[in-house]
mmCIF file of all heavy atoms, coordinates in Angstrom:
data_MODEL
# 
_entry.id   MODEL 
# 
loop_
_atom_site.group_PDB 
_atom_site.id 
_atom_site.type_symbol 
_atom_site.label_atom_id 
_atom_site.label_alt_id 
_atom_site.label_comp_id 
_atom_site.label_asym_id 
_atom_site.label_entity_id 
_atom_site.label_seq_id 
_atom_site.pdbx_PDB_ins_code 
_atom_site.Cartn_x 
_atom_site.Cartn_y 
_atom_site.Cartn_z 
_atom_site.occupancy 
_atom_site.B_iso_or_equiv 
_atom_site.pdbx_formal_charge 
_atom_site.auth_seq_id 
_atom_site.auth_comp_id 
_atom_site.auth_asym_id 
_atom_site.auth_atom_id 
_atom_site.pdbx_PDB_model_num 
ATOM 1   N N   . PHE A 1 1  ? -15.788 16.032 -8.774  1.00 0.00 ? 1  PHE A N   1 
ATOM 2   C CA  . PHE A 1 1  ? -15.689 15.005 -9.868  1.00 0.00 ? 1  PHE A CA  1 
ATOM 3   C C   . PHE A 1 1  ? -17.032 14.499 -10.300 1.00 0.00 ? 1  PHE A C   1 
ATOM 4   O O   . PHE A 1 1  ? -17.243 14.173 -11.501 1.00 0.00 ? 1  PHE A O   1 
ATOM 5   C CB  . PHE A 1 1  ? -14.747 13.877 -9.396  1.00 0.00 ? 1  PHE A CB  1 
ATOM 6   C CG  . PHE A 1 1  ? -13.291 14.196 -9.654  1.00 0.00 ? 1  PHE A CG  1 
ATOM 7   C CD1 . PHE A 1 1  ? -12.497 14.792 -8.697  1.00 0.00 ? 1  PHE A CD1 1 
ATOM 8   C CD2 . PHE A 1 1  ? -12.676 13.820 -10.893 1.00 0.00 ? 1  PHE A CD2 1 
ATOM 9   C CE1 . PHE A 1 1  ? -11.244 15.062 -8.946  1.00 0.00 ? 1  PHE A CE1 1 
ATOM 10  C CE2 . PHE A 1 1  ? -11.380 14.044 -11.134 1.00 0.00 ? 1  PHE A CE2 1 
ATOM 11  C CZ  . PHE A 1 1  ? -10.600 14.794 -10.126 1.00 0.00 ? 1  PHE A CZ  1 
ATOM 12  N N   . ARG A 1 2  ? -17.934 14.385 -9.381  1.00 0.00 ? 2  ARG A N   1 
ATOM 13  C CA  . ARG A 1 2  ? -19.327 13.931 -9.753  1.00 0.00 ? 2  ARG A CA  1 
ATOM 14  C C   . ARG A 1 2  ? -19.961 14.986 -10.726 1.00 0.00 ? 2  ARG A C   1 
ATOM 15  O O   . ARG A 1 2  ? -20.622 14.617 -11.616 1.00 0.00 ? 2  ARG A O   1 
ATOM 16  C CB  . ARG A 1 2  ? -20.211 13.808 -8.441  1.00 0.00 ? 2  ARG A CB  1 
ATOM 17  C CG  . ARG A 1 2  ? -19.910 12.535 -7.707  1.00 0.00 ? 2  ARG A CG  1 
ATOM 18  C CD  . ARG A 1 2  ? -20.963 12.378 -6.568  1.00 0.00 ? 2  ARG A CD  1 
ATOM 19  N NE  . ARG A 1 2  ? -20.387 11.503 -5.525  1.00 0.00 ? 2  ARG A NE  1 
ATOM 20  C CZ  . ARG A 1 2  ? -19.880 11.886 -4.390  1.00 0.00 ? 2  ARG A CZ  1 
ATOM 21  N NH1 . ARG A 1 2  ? -19.846 13.119 -4.036  1.00 0.00 ? 2  ARG A NH1 1 
ATOM 22  N NH2 . ARG A 1 2  ? -19.341 11.017 -3.596  1.00 0.00 ? 2  ARG A NH2 1 
ATOM 23  N N   . GLN A 1 3  ? -19.732 16.247 -10.420 1.00 0.00 ? 3  GLN A N   1 
ATOM 24  C CA  . GLN A 1 3  ? -20.264 17.295 -11.280 1.00 0.00 ? 3  GLN A CA  1 
ATOM 25  C C   . GLN A 1 3  ? -19.681 17.129 -12.711 1.00 0.00 ? 3  GLN A C   1 
ATOM 26  O O   . GLN A 1 3  ? -20.211 17.690 -13.620 1.00 0.00 ? 3  GLN A O   1 
ATOM 27  C CB  . GLN A 1 3  ? -20.044 18.663 -10.669 1.00 0.00 ? 3  GLN A CB  1 
ATOM 28  C CG  . GLN A 1 3  ? -20.793 18.838 -9.447  1.00 0.00 ? 3  GLN A CG  1 
ATOM 29  C CD  . GLN A 1 3  ? -20.419 20.161 -8.704  1.00 0.00 ? 3  GLN A CD  1 
ATOM 30  O OE1 . GLN A 1 3  ? -19.538 20.919 -9.198  1.00 0.00 ? 3  GLN A OE1 1 
ATOM 31  N NE2 . GLN A 1 3  ? -21.033 20.432 -7.547  1.00 0.00 ? 3  GLN A NE2 1 
ATOM 32  N N   . GLN A 1 4  ? -18.469 16.540 -12.808 1.00 0.00 ? 4  GLN A N   1 
ATOM 33  C CA  . GLN A 1 4  ? -17.866 16.415 -14.108 1.00 0.00 ? 4  GLN A CA  1 
ATOM 34  C C   . GLN A 1 4  ? -18.219 15.091 -14.747 1.00 0.00 ? 4  GLN A C   1 
ATOM 35  O O   . GLN A 1 4  ? -17.608 14.731 -15.778 1.00 0.00 ? 4  GLN A O   1 
ATOM 36  C CB  . GLN A 1 4  ? -16.269 16.541 -13.914 1.00 0.00 ? 4  GLN A CB  1 
ATOM 37  C CG  . GLN A 1 4  ? -15.919 17.869 -13.403 1.00 0.00 ? 4  GLN A CG  1 
ATOM 38  C CD  . GLN A 1 4  ? -14.416 17.906 -13.057 1.00 0.00 ? 4  GLN A CD  1 
ATOM 39  O OE1 . GLN A 1 4  ? -13.684 16.981 -13.431 1.00 0.00 ? 4  GLN A OE1 1 
ATOM 40  N NE2 . GLN A 1 4  ? -13.961 18.944 -12.379 1.00 0.00 ? 4  GLN A NE2 1 
ATOM 41  N N   . GLY A 1 5  ? -19.077 14.325 -14.145 1.00 0.00 ? 5  GLY A N   1 
ATOM 42  C CA  . GLY A 1 5  ? -19.580 13.063 -14.751 1.00 0.00 ? 5  GLY A CA  1 
ATOM 43  C C   . GLY A 1 5  ? -18.942 11.805 -14.246 1.00 0.00 ? 5  GLY A C   1 
ATOM 44  O O   . GLY A 1 5  ? -19.264 10.712 -14.774 1.00 0.00 ? 5  GLY A O   1 
ATOM 45  N N   . LEU A 1 6  ? -18.078 11.857 -13.264 1.00 0.00 ? 6  LEU A N   1 
ATOM 46  C CA  . LEU A 1 6  ? -17.432 10.646 -12.739 1.00 0.00 ? 6  LEU A CA  1 
ATOM 47  C C   . LEU A 1 6  ? -18.183 10.312 -11.386 1.00 0.00 ? 6  LEU A C   1 
ATOM 48  O O   . LEU A 1 6  ? -18.135 11.095 -10.416 1.00 0.00 ? 6  LEU A O   1 
ATOM 49  C CB  . LEU A 1 6  ? -15.916 10.871 -12.434 1.00 0.00 ? 6  LEU A CB  1 
ATOM 50  C CG  . LEU A 1 6  ? -15.197 9.705  -11.801 1.00 0.00 ? 6  LEU A CG  1 
ATOM 51  C CD1 . LEU A 1 6  ? -15.176 8.534  -12.759 1.00 0.00 ? 6  LEU A CD1 1 
ATOM 52  C CD2 . LEU A 1 6  ? -13.780 10.106 -11.422 1.00 0.00 ? 6  LEU A CD2 1 
ATOM 53  N N   . GLU A 1 7  ? -18.864 9.171  -11.364 1.00 0.00 ? 7  GLU A N   1 
ATOM 54  C CA  . GLU A 1 7  ? -19.614 8.776  -10.157 1.00 0.00 ? 7  GLU A CA  1 
ATOM 55  C C   . GLU A 1 7  ? -18.560 8.300  -9.147  1.00 0.00 ? 7  GLU A C   1 
ATOM 56  O O   . GLU A 1 7  ? -17.808 7.313  -9.382  1.00 0.00 ? 7  GLU A O   1 
ATOM 57  C CB  . GLU A 1 7  ? -20.589 7.626  -10.449 1.00 0.00 ? 7  GLU A CB  1 
ATOM 58  C CG  . GLU A 1 7  ? -21.403 7.266  -9.273  1.00 0.00 ? 7  GLU A CG  1 
ATOM 59  C CD  . GLU A 1 7  ? -22.150 8.425  -8.632  1.00 0.00 ? 7  GLU A CD  1 
ATOM 60  O OE1 . GLU A 1 7  ? -22.656 9.288  -9.372  1.00 0.00 ? 7  GLU A OE1 1 
ATOM 61  O OE2 . GLU A 1 7  ? -22.161 8.435  -7.385  1.00 0.00 ? 7  GLU A OE2 1 
ATOM 62  N N   . VAL A 1 8  ? -18.428 8.980  -8.051  1.00 0.00 ? 8  VAL A N   1 
ATOM 63  C CA  . VAL A 1 8  ? -17.468 8.637  -7.054  1.00 0.00 ? 8  VAL A CA  1 
ATOM 64  C C   . VAL A 1 8  ? -18.128 8.229  -5.780  1.00 0.00 ? 8  VAL A C   1 
ATOM 65  O O   . VAL A 1 8  ? -19.075 8.925  -5.277  1.00 0.00 ? 8  VAL A O   1 
ATOM 66  C CB  . VAL A 1 8  ? -16.551 9.898  -6.754  1.00 0.00 ? 8  VAL A CB  1 
ATOM 67  C CG1 . VAL A 1 8  ? -15.564 9.553  -5.620  1.00 0.00 ? 8  VAL A CG1 1 
ATOM 68  C CG2 . VAL A 1 8  ? -15.844 10.401 -7.953  1.00 0.00 ? 8  VAL A CG2 1 
ATOM 69  N N   . VAL A 1 9  ? -17.793 7.107  -5.270  1.00 0.00 ? 9  VAL A N   1 
ATOM 70  C CA  . VAL A 1 9  ? -18.171 6.635  -3.975  1.00 0.00 ? 9  VAL A CA  1 
ATOM 71  C C   . VAL A 1 9  ? -17.003 6.742  -2.993  1.00 0.00 ? 9  VAL A C   1 
ATOM 72  O O   . VAL A 1 9  ? -15.969 6.240  -3.267  1.00 0.00 ? 9  VAL A O   1 
ATOM 73  C CB  . VAL A 1 9  ? -18.635 5.108  -4.011  1.00 0.00 ? 9  VAL A CB  1 
ATOM 74  C CG1 . VAL A 1 9  ? -19.018 4.641  -2.669  1.00 0.00 ? 9  VAL A CG1 1 
ATOM 75  C CG2 . VAL A 1 9  ? -19.862 4.971  -4.913  1.00 0.00 ? 9  VAL A CG2 1 
ATOM 76  N N   . ALA A 1 10 ? -17.204 7.516  -1.958  1.00 0.00 ? 10 ALA A N   1 
ATOM 77  C CA  . ALA A 1 10 ? -16.046 7.752  -1.043  1.00 0.00 ? 10 ALA A CA  1 
ATOM 78  C C   . ALA A 1 10 ? -16.377 7.245  0.406   1.00 0.00 ? 10 ALA A C   1 
ATOM 79  O O   . ALA A 1 10 ? -17.454 7.503  0.913   1.00 0.00 ? 10 ALA A O   1 
ATOM 80  C CB  . ALA A 1 10 ? -15.694 9.198  -0.940  1.00 0.00 ? 10 ALA A CB  1 
ATOM 81  N N   . SER A 1 11 ? -15.427 6.478  0.944   1.00 0.00 ? 11 SER A N   1 
ATOM 82  C CA  . SER A 1 11 ? -15.496 5.972  2.316   1.00 0.00 ? 11 SER A CA  1 
ATOM 83  C C   . SER A 1 11 ? -14.204 6.297  3.032   1.00 0.00 ? 11 SER A C   1 
ATOM 84  O O   . SER A 1 11 ? -13.147 5.896  2.592   1.00 0.00 ? 11 SER A O   1 
ATOM 85  C CB  . SER A 1 11 ? -15.752 4.515  2.282   1.00 0.00 ? 11 SER A CB  1 
ATOM 86  O OG  . SER A 1 11 ? -15.695 3.973  3.634   1.00 0.00 ? 11 SER A OG  1 
ATOM 87  N N   . ILE A 1 12 ? -14.358 7.182  4.015   1.00 0.00 ? 12 ILE A N   1 
ATOM 88  C CA  . ILE A 1 12 ? -13.147 7.681  4.725   1.00 0.00 ? 12 ILE A CA  1 
ATOM 89  C C   . ILE A 1 12 ? -13.256 7.381  6.230   1.00 0.00 ? 12 ILE A C   1 
ATOM 90  O O   . ILE A 1 12 ? -14.263 7.824  6.793   1.00 0.00 ? 12 ILE A O   1 
ATOM 91  C CB  . ILE A 1 12 ? -12.899 9.225  4.431   1.00 0.00 ? 12 ILE A CB  1 
ATOM 92  C CG1 . ILE A 1 12 ? -12.896 9.361  2.943   1.00 0.00 ? 12 ILE A CG1 1 
ATOM 93  C CG2 . ILE A 1 12 ? -11.690 9.720  5.137   1.00 0.00 ? 12 ILE A CG2 1 
ATOM 94  C CD1 . ILE A 1 12 ? -12.992 10.802 2.530   1.00 0.00 ? 12 ILE A CD1 1 
ATOM 95  N N   . ASP A 1 13 ? -12.279 6.810  6.834   1.00 0.00 ? 13 ASP A N   1 
ATOM 96  C CA  . ASP A 1 13 ? -12.310 6.435  8.206   1.00 0.00 ? 13 ASP A CA  1 
ATOM 97  C C   . ASP A 1 13 ? -10.910 6.777  8.746   1.00 0.00 ? 13 ASP A C   1 
ATOM 98  O O   . ASP A 1 13 ? -10.005 5.964  8.720   1.00 0.00 ? 13 ASP A O   1 
ATOM 99  C CB  . ASP A 1 13 ? -12.610 5.056  8.504   1.00 0.00 ? 13 ASP A CB  1 
ATOM 100 C CG  . ASP A 1 13 ? -12.640 4.676  9.946   1.00 0.00 ? 13 ASP A CG  1 
ATOM 101 O OD1 . ASP A 1 13 ? -12.685 5.560  10.807  1.00 0.00 ? 13 ASP A OD1 1 
ATOM 102 O OD2 . ASP A 1 13 ? -12.622 3.477  10.270  1.00 0.00 ? 13 ASP A OD2 1 
ATOM 103 N N   . LEU A 1 14 ? -10.784 8.085  9.231   1.00 0.00 ? 14 LEU A N   1 
ATOM 104 C CA  . LEU A 1 14 ? -9.512  8.498  9.816   1.00 0.00 ? 14 LEU A CA  1 
ATOM 105 C C   . LEU A 1 14 ? -9.624  8.598  11.379  1.00 0.00 ? 14 LEU A C   1 
ATOM 106 O O   . LEU A 1 14 ? -10.661 8.940  11.813  1.00 0.00 ? 14 LEU A O   1 
ATOM 107 C CB  . LEU A 1 14 ? -9.082  9.865  9.268   1.00 0.00 ? 14 LEU A CB  1 
ATOM 108 C CG  . LEU A 1 14 ? -8.855  9.895  7.763   1.00 0.00 ? 14 LEU A CG  1 
ATOM 109 C CD1 . LEU A 1 14 ? -8.637  11.351 7.330   1.00 0.00 ? 14 LEU A CD1 1 
ATOM 110 C CD2 . LEU A 1 14 ? -7.596  9.114  7.444   1.00 0.00 ? 14 LEU A CD2 1 
ATOM 111 N N   . ALA A 1 15 ? -8.613  8.146  12.099  1.00 0.00 ? 15 ALA A N   1 
ATOM 112 C CA  . ALA A 1 15 ? -8.622  8.066  13.528  1.00 0.00 ? 15 ALA A CA  1 
ATOM 113 C C   . ALA A 1 15 ? -9.064  9.389  14.173  1.00 0.00 ? 15 ALA A C   1 
ATOM 114 O O   . ALA A 1 15 ? -9.871  9.351  15.035  1.00 0.00 ? 15 ALA A O   1 
ATOM 115 C CB  . ALA A 1 15 ? -7.351  7.556  14.052  1.00 0.00 ? 15 ALA A CB  1 
ATOM 116 N N   . TYR A 1 16 ? -8.433  10.506 13.724  1.00 0.00 ? 16 TYR A N   1 
ATOM 117 C CA  . TYR A 1 16 ? -8.740  11.813 14.340  1.00 0.00 ? 16 TYR A CA  1 
ATOM 118 C C   . TYR A 1 16 ? -10.203 12.147 14.145  1.00 0.00 ? 16 TYR A C   1 
ATOM 119 O O   . TYR A 1 16 ? -10.941 12.542 15.105  1.00 0.00 ? 16 TYR A O   1 
ATOM 120 C CB  . TYR A 1 16 ? -7.846  12.827 13.827  1.00 0.00 ? 16 TYR A CB  1 
ATOM 121 C CG  . TYR A 1 16 ? -8.257  14.244 14.335  1.00 0.00 ? 16 TYR A CG  1 
ATOM 122 C CD1 . TYR A 1 16 ? -7.969  14.645 15.594  1.00 0.00 ? 16 TYR A CD1 1 
ATOM 123 C CD2 . TYR A 1 16 ? -8.970  15.119 13.482  1.00 0.00 ? 16 TYR A CD2 1 
ATOM 124 C CE1 . TYR A 1 16 ? -8.337  15.902 16.041  1.00 0.00 ? 16 TYR A CE1 1 
ATOM 125 C CE2 . TYR A 1 16 ? -9.324  16.393 13.978  1.00 0.00 ? 16 TYR A CE2 1 
ATOM 126 C CZ  . TYR A 1 16 ? -9.004  16.755 15.236  1.00 0.00 ? 16 TYR A CZ  1 
ATOM 127 O OH  . TYR A 1 16 ? -9.412  18.026 15.654  1.00 0.00 ? 16 TYR A OH  1 
ATOM 128 N N   . GLU A 1 17 ? -10.717 12.011 12.888  1.00 0.00 ? 17 GLU A N   1 
ATOM 129 C CA  . GLU A 1 17 ? -12.050 12.440 12.637  1.00 0.00 ? 17 GLU A CA  1 
ATOM 130 C C   . GLU A 1 17 ? -13.073 11.478 13.158  1.00 0.00 ? 17 GLU A C   1 
ATOM 131 O O   . GLU A 1 17 ? -14.262 11.802 13.387  1.00 0.00 ? 17 GLU A O   1 
ATOM 132 C CB  . GLU A 1 17 ? -12.171 12.661 11.125  1.00 0.00 ? 17 GLU A CB  1 
ATOM 133 C CG  . GLU A 1 17 ? -11.369 13.844 10.713  1.00 0.00 ? 17 GLU A CG  1 
ATOM 134 C CD  . GLU A 1 17 ? -11.370 14.190 9.244   1.00 0.00 ? 17 GLU A CD  1 
ATOM 135 O OE1 . GLU A 1 17 ? -11.796 13.270 8.445   1.00 0.00 ? 17 GLU A OE1 1 
ATOM 136 O OE2 . GLU A 1 17 ? -10.928 15.273 8.924   1.00 0.00 ? 17 GLU A OE2 1 
ATOM 137 N N   . GLY A 1 18 ? -12.637 10.219 13.490  1.00 0.00 ? 18 GLY A N   1 
ATOM 138 C CA  . GLY A 1 18 ? -13.551 9.256  14.101  1.00 0.00 ? 18 GLY A CA  1 
ATOM 139 C C   . GLY A 1 18 ? -13.363 9.332  15.654  1.00 0.00 ? 18 GLY A C   1 
ATOM 140 O O   . GLY A 1 18 ? -13.912 8.468  16.320  1.00 0.00 ? 18 GLY A O   1 
ATOM 141 N N   . GLU A 1 19 ? -12.634 10.285 16.188  1.00 0.00 ? 19 GLU A N   1 
ATOM 142 C CA  . GLU A 1 19 ? -12.389 10.529 17.625  1.00 0.00 ? 19 GLU A CA  1 
ATOM 143 C C   . GLU A 1 19 ? -11.765 9.371  18.287  1.00 0.00 ? 19 GLU A C   1 
ATOM 144 O O   . GLU A 1 19 ? -11.961 9.105  19.438  1.00 0.00 ? 19 GLU A O   1 
ATOM 145 C CB  . GLU A 1 19 ? -13.770 10.996 18.236  1.00 0.00 ? 19 GLU A CB  1 
ATOM 146 C CG  . GLU A 1 19 ? -14.293 12.175 17.688  1.00 0.00 ? 19 GLU A CG  1 
ATOM 147 C CD  . GLU A 1 19 ? -15.587 12.629 18.375  1.00 0.00 ? 19 GLU A CD  1 
ATOM 148 O OE1 . GLU A 1 19 ? -16.040 11.943 19.339  1.00 0.00 ? 19 GLU A OE1 1 
ATOM 149 O OE2 . GLU A 1 19 ? -16.108 13.645 18.010  1.00 0.00 ? 19 GLU A OE2 1 
ATOM 150 N N   . ARG A 1 20 ? -10.902 8.679  17.549  1.00 0.00 ? 20 ARG A N   1 
ATOM 151 C CA  . ARG A 1 20 ? -10.101 7.574  18.121  1.00 0.00 ? 20 ARG A CA  1 
ATOM 152 C C   . ARG A 1 20 ? -8.693  8.005  18.452  1.00 0.00 ? 20 ARG A C   1 
ATOM 153 O O   . ARG A 1 20 ? -7.870  7.313  18.950  1.00 0.00 ? 20 ARG A O   1 
ATOM 154 C CB  . ARG A 1 20 ? -10.064 6.369  17.196  1.00 0.00 ? 20 ARG A CB  1 
ATOM 155 C CG  . ARG A 1 20 ? -11.432 5.701  16.940  1.00 0.00 ? 20 ARG A CG  1 
ATOM 156 C CD  . ARG A 1 20 ? -11.419 4.454  16.077  1.00 0.00 ? 20 ARG A CD  1 
ATOM 157 N NE  . ARG A 1 20 ? -10.619 4.599  14.935  1.00 0.00 ? 20 ARG A NE  1 
ATOM 158 C CZ  . ARG A 1 20 ? -11.080 5.052  13.762  1.00 0.00 ? 20 ARG A CZ  1 
ATOM 159 N NH1 . ARG A 1 20 ? -12.290 5.449  13.609  1.00 0.00 ? 20 ARG A NH1 1 
ATOM 160 N NH2 . ARG A 1 20 ? -10.296 5.021  12.653  1.00 0.00 ? 20 ARG A NH2 1 
ATOM 161 N N   . HIS A 1 21 ? -8.424  9.275  18.003  1.00 0.00 ? 21 HIS A N   1 
ATOM 162 C CA  . HIS A 1 21 ? -7.056  9.787  18.237  1.00 0.00 ? 21 HIS A CA  1 
ATOM 163 C C   . HIS A 1 21 ? -7.242  11.272 18.546  1.00 0.00 ? 21 HIS A C   1 
ATOM 164 O O   . HIS A 1 21 ? -8.043  11.923 17.963  1.00 0.00 ? 21 HIS A O   1 
ATOM 165 C CB  . HIS A 1 21 ? -6.107  9.603  16.966  1.00 0.00 ? 21 HIS A CB  1 
ATOM 166 C CG  . HIS A 1 21 ? -4.675  9.756  17.289  1.00 0.00 ? 21 HIS A CG  1 
ATOM 167 N ND1 . HIS A 1 21 ? -4.105  10.957 17.244  1.00 0.00 ? 21 HIS A ND1 1 
ATOM 168 C CD2 . HIS A 1 21 ? -3.775  8.871  17.628  1.00 0.00 ? 21 HIS A CD2 1 
ATOM 169 C CE1 . HIS A 1 21 ? -2.827  10.815 17.511  1.00 0.00 ? 21 HIS A CE1 1 
ATOM 170 N NE2 . HIS A 1 21 ? -2.572  9.565  17.731  1.00 0.00 ? 21 HIS A NE2 1 
ATOM 171 N N   . ARG A 1 22 ? -6.341  11.799 19.391  1.00 0.00 ? 22 ARG A N   1 
ATOM 172 C CA  . ARG A 1 22 ? -6.546  13.178 19.813  1.00 0.00 ? 22 ARG A CA  1 
ATOM 173 C C   . ARG A 1 22 ? -5.928  14.198 18.924  1.00 0.00 ? 22 ARG A C   1 
ATOM 174 O O   . ARG A 1 22 ? -6.320  15.352 18.937  1.00 0.00 ? 22 ARG A O   1 
ATOM 175 C CB  . ARG A 1 22 ? -5.965  13.393 21.230  1.00 0.00 ? 22 ARG A CB  1 
ATOM 176 C CG  . ARG A 1 22 ? -6.762  12.581 22.266  1.00 0.00 ? 22 ARG A CG  1 
ATOM 177 C CD  . ARG A 1 22 ? -6.183  12.901 23.618  1.00 0.00 ? 22 ARG A CD  1 
ATOM 178 N NE  . ARG A 1 22 ? -4.771  12.620 23.716  1.00 0.00 ? 22 ARG A NE  1 
ATOM 179 C CZ  . ARG A 1 22 ? -4.024  12.873 24.737  1.00 0.00 ? 22 ARG A CZ  1 
ATOM 180 N NH1 . ARG A 1 22 ? -4.497  13.535 25.768  1.00 0.00 ? 22 ARG A NH1 1 
ATOM 181 N NH2 . ARG A 1 22 ? -2.716  12.596 24.691  1.00 0.00 ? 22 ARG A NH2 1 
ATOM 182 N N   . HIS A 1 23 ? -5.006  13.802 18.084  1.00 0.00 ? 23 HIS A N   1 
ATOM 183 C CA  . HIS A 1 23 ? -4.260  14.762 17.295  1.00 0.00 ? 23 HIS A CA  1 
ATOM 184 C C   . HIS A 1 23 ? -4.489  14.501 15.705  1.00 0.00 ? 23 HIS A C   1 
ATOM 185 O O   . HIS A 1 23 ? -4.446  13.288 15.354  1.00 0.00 ? 23 HIS A O   1 
ATOM 186 C CB  . HIS A 1 23 ? -2.760  14.728 17.560  1.00 0.00 ? 23 HIS A CB  1 
ATOM 187 C CG  . HIS A 1 23 ? -2.505  14.980 19.006  1.00 0.00 ? 23 HIS A CG  1 
ATOM 188 N ND1 . HIS A 1 23 ? -2.616  16.274 19.556  1.00 0.00 ? 23 HIS A ND1 1 
ATOM 189 C CD2 . HIS A 1 23 ? -2.122  14.165 20.018  1.00 0.00 ? 23 HIS A CD2 1 
ATOM 190 C CE1 . HIS A 1 23 ? -2.306  16.156 20.882  1.00 0.00 ? 23 HIS A CE1 1 
ATOM 191 N NE2 . HIS A 1 23 ? -2.007  14.884 21.179  1.00 0.00 ? 23 HIS A NE2 1 
ATOM 192 N N   . ARG A 1 24 ? -4.548  15.597 14.984  1.00 0.00 ? 24 ARG A N   1 
ATOM 193 C CA  . ARG A 1 24 ? -4.579  15.451 13.586  1.00 0.00 ? 24 ARG A CA  1 
ATOM 194 C C   . ARG A 1 24 ? -3.173  15.171 13.030  1.00 0.00 ? 24 ARG A C   1 
ATOM 195 O O   . ARG A 1 24 ? -2.156  15.432 13.755  1.00 0.00 ? 24 ARG A O   1 
ATOM 196 C CB  . ARG A 1 24 ? -5.036  16.830 12.925  1.00 0.00 ? 24 ARG A CB  1 
ATOM 197 C CG  . ARG A 1 24 ? -6.507  16.999 13.015  1.00 0.00 ? 24 ARG A CG  1 
ATOM 198 C CD  . ARG A 1 24 ? -6.940  18.275 12.403  1.00 0.00 ? 24 ARG A CD  1 
ATOM 199 N NE  . ARG A 1 24 ? -6.664  18.417 10.984  1.00 0.00 ? 24 ARG A NE  1 
ATOM 200 C CZ  . ARG A 1 24 ? -7.081  19.395 10.271  1.00 0.00 ? 24 ARG A CZ  1 
ATOM 201 N NH1 . ARG A 1 24 ? -7.785  20.392 10.784  1.00 0.00 ? 24 ARG A NH1 1 
ATOM 202 N NH2 . ARG A 1 24 ? -6.757  19.450 8.989   1.00 0.00 ? 24 ARG A NH2 1 
# 
């Protein structure tokens, strides 16, 4: 979307990817 001209700020905090949960 940035390449298409929309400035996107993304903040993602998922338990699995933050190693707070063992399963996706």
